[in-house]
Amino acid sequence: MIFRFLILGLLAYLVLMLIYSSIRRKGRSTDPSQGESMVLDPHCKSYVPKNEAYPSHGHYFCSEECARAYGSEQV
């Protein structure tokens, strides 16, 4: 009789731990598509998503105008 309670208690514990770990995993995502990498425009000091930024002079810019202005400052 006591053996049944021990087995049922162990099974209940394992089920609860599986549910708890499943809930915790849903709260934090390791999928990189969930967030975007941001880059700093060295000219206007604004942050831009990297996939929308304009690469030039070894940096990323928010626009082509900022890239040109930054290039003329460096000369």
PDB file of N, CA and C in Angstrom:
ATOM      1  N   MET A   1       0.823  -1.193   0.000  1.00  0.00           N
ATOM      2  CA  MET A   1       0.000   0.000   0.000  1.00  0.00           C
ATOM      3  C   MET A   1       0.864   1.253   0.000  1.00  0.00           C
ATOM      4  N   ILE A   2       1.841   1.309   0.885  1.00  0.00           N
ATOM      5  CA  ILE A   2       2.734   2.462   0.943  1.00  0.00           C
ATOM      6  C   ILE A   2       3.552   2.557  -0.339  1.00  0.00           C
ATOM      7  N   PHE A   3       3.888   1.406  -0.899  1.00  0.00           N
ATOM      8  CA  PHE A   3       4.659   1.367  -2.125  1.00  0.00           C
ATOM      9  C   PHE A   3       3.899   2.064  -3.265  1.00  0.00           C
ATOM     10  N   ARG A   4       2.572   1.884  -3.324  1.00  0.00           N
ATOM     11  CA  ARG A   4       1.751   2.546  -4.345  1.00  0.00           C
ATOM     12  C   ARG A   4       1.797   4.062  -4.179  1.00  0.00           C
ATOM     13  N   PHE A   5       1.690   4.535  -2.942  1.00  0.00           N
ATOM     14  CA  PHE A   5       1.731   5.977  -2.694  1.00  0.00           C
ATOM     15  C   PHE A   5       3.081   6.574  -3.092  1.00  0.00           C
ATOM     16  N   LEU A   6       4.141   5.850  -2.820  1.00  0.00           N
ATOM     17  CA  LEU A   6       5.477   6.329  -3.210  1.00  0.00           C
ATOM     18  C   LEU A   6       5.604   6.421  -4.731  1.00  0.00           C
ATOM     19  N   ILE A   7       5.128   5.419  -5.429  1.00  0.00           N
ATOM     20  CA  ILE A   7       5.194   5.417  -6.893  1.00  0.00           C
ATOM     21  C   ILE A   7       4.321   6.540  -7.460  1.00  0.00           C
ATOM     22  N   LEU A   8       3.097   6.684  -6.960  1.00  0.00           N
ATOM     23  CA  LEU A   8       2.206   7.750  -7.431  1.00  0.00           C
ATOM     24  C   LEU A   8       2.781   9.133  -7.121  1.00  0.00           C
ATOM     25  N   GLY A   9       3.368   9.283  -5.953  1.00  0.00           N
ATOM     26  CA  GLY A   9       3.998  10.558  -5.595  1.00  0.00           C
ATOM     27  C   GLY A   9       5.163  10.880  -6.512  1.00  0.00           C
ATOM     28  N   LEU A  10       5.977   9.889  -6.818  1.00  0.00           N
ATOM     29  CA  LEU A  10       7.109  10.085  -7.725  1.00  0.00           C
ATOM     30  C   LEU A  10       6.630  10.446  -9.125  1.00  0.00           C
ATOM     31  N   LEU A  11       5.609   9.763  -9.608  1.00  0.00           N
ATOM     32  CA  LEU A  11       5.054  10.077 -10.925  1.00  0.00           C
ATOM     33  C   LEU A  11       4.467  11.492 -10.967  1.00  0.00           C
ATOM     34  N   ALA A  12       3.751  11.869  -9.914  1.00  0.00           N
ATOM     35  CA  ALA A  12       3.187  13.222  -9.852  1.00  0.00           C
ATOM     36  C   ALA A  12       4.296  14.267  -9.847  1.00  0.00           C
ATOM     37  N   TYR A  13       5.343  14.014  -9.107  1.00  0.00           N
ATOM     38  CA  TYR A  13       6.483  14.929  -9.060  1.00  0.00           C
ATOM     39  C   TYR A  13       7.117  15.083 -10.438  1.00  0.00           C
ATOM     40  N   LEU A  14       7.330  13.969 -11.134  1.00  0.00           N
ATOM     41  CA  LEU A  14       7.940  14.021 -12.466  1.00  0.00           C
ATOM     42  C   LEU A  14       7.064  14.783 -13.460  1.00  0.00           C
ATOM     43  N   VAL A  15       5.769  14.562 -13.407  1.00  0.00           N
ATOM     44  CA  VAL A  15       4.849  15.276 -14.299  1.00  0.00           C
ATOM     45  C   VAL A  15       4.885  16.777 -14.009  1.00  0.00           C
ATOM     46  N   LEU A  16       4.855  17.142 -12.742  1.00  0.00           N
ATOM     47  CA  LEU A  16       4.901  18.561 -12.385  1.00  0.00           C
ATOM     48  C   LEU A  16       6.217  19.210 -12.820  1.00  0.00           C
ATOM     49  N   MET A  17       7.328  18.497 -12.694  1.00  0.00           N
ATOM     50  CA  MET A  17       8.616  19.035 -13.126  1.00  0.00           C
ATOM     51  C   MET A  17       8.655  19.230 -14.645  1.00  0.00           C
ATOM     52  N   LEU A  18       8.075  18.308 -15.393  1.00  0.00           N
ATOM     53  CA  LEU A  18       8.004  18.461 -16.850  1.00  0.00           C
ATOM     54  C   LEU A  18       7.169  19.679 -17.246  1.00  0.00           C
ATOM     55  N   ILE A  19       6.054  19.862 -16.582  1.00  0.00           N
ATOM     56  CA  ILE A  19       5.197  21.021 -16.860  1.00  0.00           C
ATOM     57  C   ILE A  19       5.929  22.311 -16.507  1.00  0.00           C
ATOM     58  N   TYR A  20       6.563  22.331 -15.362  1.00  0.00           N
ATOM     59  CA  TYR A  20       7.299  23.527 -14.918  1.00  0.00           C
ATOM     60  C   TYR A  20       8.424  23.881 -15.883  1.00  0.00           C
ATOM     61  N   SER A  21       9.200  22.898 -16.325  1.00  0.00           N
ATOM     62  CA  SER A  21      10.309  23.190 -17.235  1.00  0.00           C
ATOM     63  C   SER A  21       9.794  23.628 -18.598  1.00  0.00           C
ATOM     64  N   SER A  22       8.664  23.108 -19.015  1.00  0.00           N
ATOM     65  CA  SER A  22       8.062  23.522 -20.280  1.00  0.00           C
ATOM     66  C   SER A  22       7.627  24.987 -20.217  1.00  0.00           C
ATOM     67  N   ILE A  23       7.043  25.381 -19.113  1.00  0.00           N
ATOM     68  CA  ILE A  23       6.605  26.769 -18.938  1.00  0.00           C
ATOM     69  C   ILE A  23       7.805  27.707 -18.909  1.00  0.00           C
ATOM     70  N   ARG A  24       8.868  27.323 -18.232  1.00  0.00           N
ATOM     71  CA  ARG A  24      10.074  28.161 -18.157  1.00  0.00           C
ATOM     72  C   ARG A  24      10.706  28.343 -19.520  1.00  0.00           C
ATOM     73  N   ARG A  25      10.736  27.289 -20.352  1.00  0.00           N
ATOM     74  CA  ARG A  25      11.342  27.383 -21.683  1.00  0.00           C
ATOM     75  C   ARG A  25      10.563  28.310 -22.584  1.00  0.00           C
ATOM     76  N   LYS A  26       9.250  28.374 -22.433  1.00  0.00           N
ATOM     77  CA  LYS A  26       8.440  29.258 -23.266  1.00  0.00           C
ATOM     78  C   LYS A  26       8.710  30.719 -22.949  1.00  0.00           C
ATOM     79  N   GLY A  27       9.121  31.015 -21.746  1.00  0.00           N
ATOM     80  CA  GLY A  27       9.368  32.392 -21.337  1.00  0.00           C
ATOM     81  C   GLY A  27      10.620  33.004 -21.926  1.00  0.00           C
ATOM     82  N   ARG A  28      11.587  32.191 -22.259  1.00  0.00           N
ATOM     83  CA  ARG A  28      12.825  32.735 -22.831  1.00  0.00           C
ATOM     84  C   ARG A  28      13.078  32.076 -24.168  1.00  0.00           C
ATOM     85  N   SER A  29      13.299  32.888 -25.147  1.00  0.00           N
ATOM     86  CA  SER A  29      13.490  32.376 -26.490  1.00  0.00           C
ATOM     87  C   SER A  29      14.963  32.408 -26.863  1.00  0.00           C
ATOM     88  N   THR A  30      15.445  31.331 -27.463  1.00  0.00           N
ATOM     89  CA  THR A  30      16.819  31.307 -27.944  1.00  0.00           C
ATOM     90  C   THR A  30      16.846  31.406 -29.461  1.00  0.00           C
ATOM     91  N   ASP A  31      15.691  31.660 -30.062  1.00  0.00           N
ATOM     92  CA  ASP A  31      15.603  31.783 -31.507  1.00  0.00           C
ATOM     93  C   ASP A  31      16.086  33.168 -31.923  1.00  0.00           C
ATOM     94  N   PRO A  32      17.158  33.270 -32.735  1.00  0.00           N
ATOM     95  CA  PRO A  32      17.689  34.576 -33.123  1.00  0.00           C
ATOM     96  C   PRO A  32      16.722  35.406 -33.961  1.00  0.00           C
ATOM     97  N   SER A  33      15.745  34.769 -34.583  1.00  0.00           N
ATOM     98  CA  SER A  33      14.800  35.535 -35.386  1.00  0.00           C
ATOM     99  C   SER A  33      13.843  36.348 -34.523  1.00  0.00           C
ATOM    100  N   GLN A  34      13.836  36.131 -33.213  1.00  0.00           N
ATOM    101  CA  GLN A  34      12.961  36.867 -32.315  1.00  0.00           C
ATOM    102  C   GLN A  34      13.432  38.289 -32.070  1.00  0.00           C
ATOM    103  N   GLY A  35      14.689  38.574 -32.306  1.00  0.00           N
ATOM    104  CA  GLY A  35      15.217  39.910 -32.080  1.00  0.00           C
ATOM    105  C   GLY A  35      16.161  40.295 -33.193  1.00  0.00           C
ATOM    106  N   GLU A  36      16.385  41.608 -33.327  1.00  0.00           N
ATOM    107  CA  GLU A  36      17.276  42.089 -34.355  1.00  0.00           C
ATOM    108  C   GLU A  36      18.507  42.706 -33.728  1.00  0.00           C
ATOM    109  N   SER A  37      19.600  42.601 -34.435  1.00  0.00           N
ATOM    110  CA  SER A  37      20.831  43.225 -33.996  1.00  0.00           C
ATOM    111  C   SER A  37      20.788  44.700 -34.396  1.00  0.00           C
ATOM    112  N   MET A  38      21.096  45.574 -33.468  1.00  0.00           N
ATOM    113  CA  MET A  38      21.088  47.014 -33.730  1.00  0.00           C
ATOM    114  C   MET A  38      22.523  47.511 -33.875  1.00  0.00           C
ATOM    115  N   VAL A  39      22.719  48.486 -34.764  1.00  0.00           N
ATOM    116  CA  VAL A  39      24.040  49.077 -34.970  1.00  0.00           C
ATOM    117  C   VAL A  39      23.934  50.592 -34.770  1.00  0.00           C
ATOM    118  N   LEU A  40      25.047  51.183 -34.341  1.00  0.00           N
ATOM    119  CA  LEU A  40      25.083  52.617 -34.074  1.00  0.00           C
ATOM    120  C   LEU A  40      25.632  53.361 -35.281  1.00  0.00           C
ATOM    121  N   ASP A  41      24.877  54.328 -35.755  1.00  0.00           N
ATOM    122  CA  ASP A  41      25.338  55.198 -36.834  1.00  0.00           C
ATOM    123  C   ASP A  41      26.362  56.160 -36.231  1.00  0.00           C
ATOM    124  N   PRO A  42      27.628  56.143 -36.699  1.00  0.00           N
ATOM    125  CA  PRO A  42      28.652  56.994 -36.091  1.00  0.00           C
ATOM    126  C   PRO A  42      28.475  58.480 -36.389  1.00  0.00           C
ATOM    127  N   HIS A  43      27.672  58.812 -37.385  1.00  0.00           N
ATOM    128  CA  HIS A  43      27.474  60.228 -37.720  1.00  0.00           C
ATOM    129  C   HIS A  43      26.373  60.862 -36.875  1.00  0.00           C
ATOM    130  N   CYS A  44      25.172  60.302 -36.941  1.00  0.00           N
ATOM    131  CA  CYS A  44      24.044  60.922 -36.224  1.00  0.00           C
ATOM    132  C   CYS A  44      23.767  60.272 -34.866  1.00  0.00           C
ATOM    133  N   LYS A  45      24.533  59.244 -34.519  1.00  0.00           N
ATOM    134  CA  LYS A  45      24.435  58.568 -33.215  1.00  0.00           C
ATOM    135  C   LYS A  45      23.065  57.929 -32.961  1.00  0.00           C
ATOM    136  N   SER A  46      22.411  57.469 -34.015  1.00  0.00           N
ATOM    137  CA  SER A  46      21.138  56.772 -33.836  1.00  0.00           C
ATOM    138  C   SER A  46      21.355  55.277 -34.073  1.00  0.00           C
ATOM    139  N   TYR A  47      20.514  54.473 -33.443  1.00  0.00           N
ATOM    140  CA  TYR A  47      20.592  53.033 -33.614  1.00  0.00           C
ATOM    141  C   TYR A  47      19.627  52.611 -34.719  1.00  0.00           C
ATOM    142  N   VAL A  48      20.107  51.686 -35.548  1.00  0.00           N
ATOM    143  CA  VAL A  48      19.340  51.215 -36.697  1.00  0.00           C
ATOM    144  C   VAL A  48      19.413  49.684 -36.715  1.00  0.00           C
ATOM    145  N   PRO A  49      18.321  49.002 -37.083  1.00  0.00           N
ATOM    146  CA  PRO A  49      18.421  47.548 -37.251  1.00  0.00           C
ATOM    147  C   PRO A  49      19.471  47.236 -38.322  1.00  0.00           C
ATOM    148  N   LYS A  50      20.321  46.286 -38.054  1.00  0.00           N
ATOM    149  CA  LYS A  50      21.443  45.996 -38.944  1.00  0.00           C
ATOM    150  C   LYS A  50      20.980  45.626 -40.350  1.00  0.00           C
ATOM    151  N   ASN A  51      19.850  44.915 -40.459  1.00  0.00           N
ATOM    152  CA  ASN A  51      19.383  44.518 -41.786  1.00  0.00           C
ATOM    153  C   ASN A  51      18.812  45.691 -42.580  1.00  0.00           C
ATOM    154  N   GLU A  52      18.575  46.845 -41.953  1.00  0.00           N
ATOM    155  CA  GLU A  52      18.081  48.029 -42.652  1.00  0.00           C
ATOM    156  C   GLU A  52      19.165  49.097 -42.811  1.00  0.00           C
ATOM    157  N   ALA A  53      20.344  48.864 -42.229  1.00  0.00           N
ATOM    158  CA  ALA A  53      21.405  49.872 -42.228  1.00  0.00           C
ATOM    159  C   ALA A  53      22.121  49.915 -43.576  1.00  0.00           C
ATOM    160  N   TYR A  54      22.784  51.049 -43.819  1.00  0.00           N
ATOM    161  CA  TYR A  54      23.540  51.275 -45.039  1.00  0.00           C
ATOM    162  C   TYR A  54      25.026  51.105 -44.711  1.00  0.00           C
ATOM    163  N   PRO A  55      25.671  50.029 -45.211  1.00  0.00           N
ATOM    164  CA  PRO A  55      27.087  49.814 -44.893  1.00  0.00           C
ATOM    165  C   PRO A  55      27.998  50.675 -45.770  1.00  0.00           C
ATOM    166  N   SER A  56      28.962  51.333 -45.145  1.00  0.00           N
ATOM    167  CA  SER A  56      29.929  52.151 -45.882  1.00  0.00           C
ATOM    168  C   SER A  56      31.063  52.530 -44.946  1.00  0.00           C
ATOM    169  N   HIS A  57      32.259  52.675 -45.490  1.00  0.00           N
ATOM    170  CA  HIS A  57      33.444  53.091 -44.724  1.00  0.00           C
ATOM    171  C   HIS A  57      33.718  52.187 -43.520  1.00  0.00           C
ATOM    172  N   GLY A  58      33.322  50.921 -43.606  1.00  0.00           N
ATOM    173  CA  GLY A  58      33.531  49.991 -42.501  1.00  0.00           C
ATOM    174  C   GLY A  58      32.572  50.177 -41.335  1.00  0.00           C
ATOM    175  N   HIS A  59      31.531  50.984 -41.526  1.00  0.00           N
ATOM    176  CA  HIS A  59      30.528  51.241 -40.483  1.00  0.00           C
ATOM    177  C   HIS A  59      29.140  51.030 -41.081  1.00  0.00           C
ATOM    178  N   TYR A  60      28.132  51.119 -40.230  1.00  0.00           N
ATOM    179  CA  TYR A  60      26.742  51.050 -40.669  1.00  0.00           C
ATOM    180  C   TYR A  60      26.086  52.391 -40.386  1.00  0.00           C
ATOM    181  N   PHE A  61      25.266  52.854 -41.338  1.00  0.00           N
ATOM    182  CA  PHE A  61      24.615  54.162 -41.228  1.00  0.00           C
ATOM    183  C   PHE A  61      23.117  54.017 -41.414  1.00  0.00           C
ATOM    184  N   CYS A  62      22.385  55.020 -40.905  1.00  0.00           N
ATOM    185  CA  CYS A  62      20.929  54.992 -41.040  1.00  0.00           C
ATOM    186  C   CYS A  62      20.499  55.362 -42.452  1.00  0.00           C
ATOM    187  N   SER A  63      21.348  56.090 -43.167  1.00  0.00           N
ATOM    188  CA  SER A  63      21.006  56.490 -44.535  1.00  0.00           C
ATOM    189  C   SER A  63      22.279  56.749 -45.341  1.00  0.00           C
ATOM    190  N   GLU A  64      22.102  56.868 -46.628  1.00  0.00           N
ATOM    191  CA  GLU A  64      23.224  57.172 -47.517  1.00  0.00           C
ATOM    192  C   GLU A  64      23.750  58.584 -47.238  1.00  0.00           C
ATOM    193  N   GLU A  65      22.874  59.495 -46.879  1.00  0.00           N
ATOM    194  CA  GLU A  65      23.283  60.867 -46.570  1.00  0.00           C
ATOM    195  C   GLU A  65      24.225  60.910 -45.371  1.00  0.00           C
ATOM    196  N   CYS A  66      23.906  60.132 -44.338  1.00  0.00           N
ATOM    197  CA  CYS A  66      24.781  60.073 -43.156  1.00  0.00           C
ATOM    198  C   CYS A  66      26.132  59.465 -43.518  1.00  0.00           C
ATOM    199  N   ALA A  67      26.127  58.469 -44.391  1.00  0.00           N
ATOM    200  CA  ALA A  67      27.386  57.849 -44.814  1.00  0.00           C
ATOM    201  C   ALA A  67      28.246  58.856 -45.569  1.00  0.00           C
ATOM    202  N   ARG A  68      27.625  59.646 -46.459  1.00  0.00           N
ATOM    203  CA  ARG A  68      28.380  60.670 -47.203  1.00  0.00           C
ATOM    204  C   ARG A  68      28.908  61.749 -46.263  1.00  0.00           C
ATOM    205  N   ALA A  69      28.075  62.185 -45.335  1.00  0.00           N
ATOM    206  CA  ALA A  69      28.499  63.229 -44.390  1.00  0.00           C
ATOM    207  C   ALA A  69      29.644  62.720 -43.519  1.00  0.00           C
ATOM    208  N   TYR A  70      29.563  61.478 -43.079  1.00  0.00           N
ATOM    209  CA  TYR A  70      30.631  60.891 -42.268  1.00  0.00           C
ATOM    210  C   TYR A  70      31.918  60.784 -43.085  1.00  0.00           C
ATOM    211  N   GLY A  71      31.822  60.412 -44.358  1.00  0.00           N
ATOM    212  CA  GLY A  71      32.987  60.310 -45.232  1.00  0.00           C
ATOM    213  C   GLY A  71      33.653  61.663 -45.449  1.00  0.00           C
ATOM    214  N   SER A  72      32.863  62.721 -45.565  1.00  0.00           N
ATOM    215  CA  SER A  72      33.451  64.045 -45.767  1.00  0.00           C
ATOM    216  C   SER A  72      34.069  64.589 -44.486  1.00  0.00           C
ATOM    217  N   GLU A  73      33.588  64.150 -43.303  1.00  0.00           N
ATOM    218  CA  GLU A  73      34.186  64.560 -42.028  1.00  0.00           C
ATOM    219  C   GLU A  73      35.557  63.931 -41.841  1.00  0.00           C
ATOM    220  N   GLN A  74      35.726  62.716 -42.352  1.00  0.00           N
ATOM    221  CA  GLN A  74      36.958  61.967 -42.139  1.00  0.00           C
ATOM    222  C   GLN A  74      38.109  62.464 -43.011  1.00  0.00           C
ATOM    223  N   VAL A  75      37.830  63.218 -44.049  1.00  0.00           N
ATOM    224  CA  VAL A  75      38.892  63.691 -44.969  1.00  0.00           C
ATOM    225  C   VAL A  75      39.562  64.912 -44.438  1.00  0.00           C
TER     226      VAL A  75
END
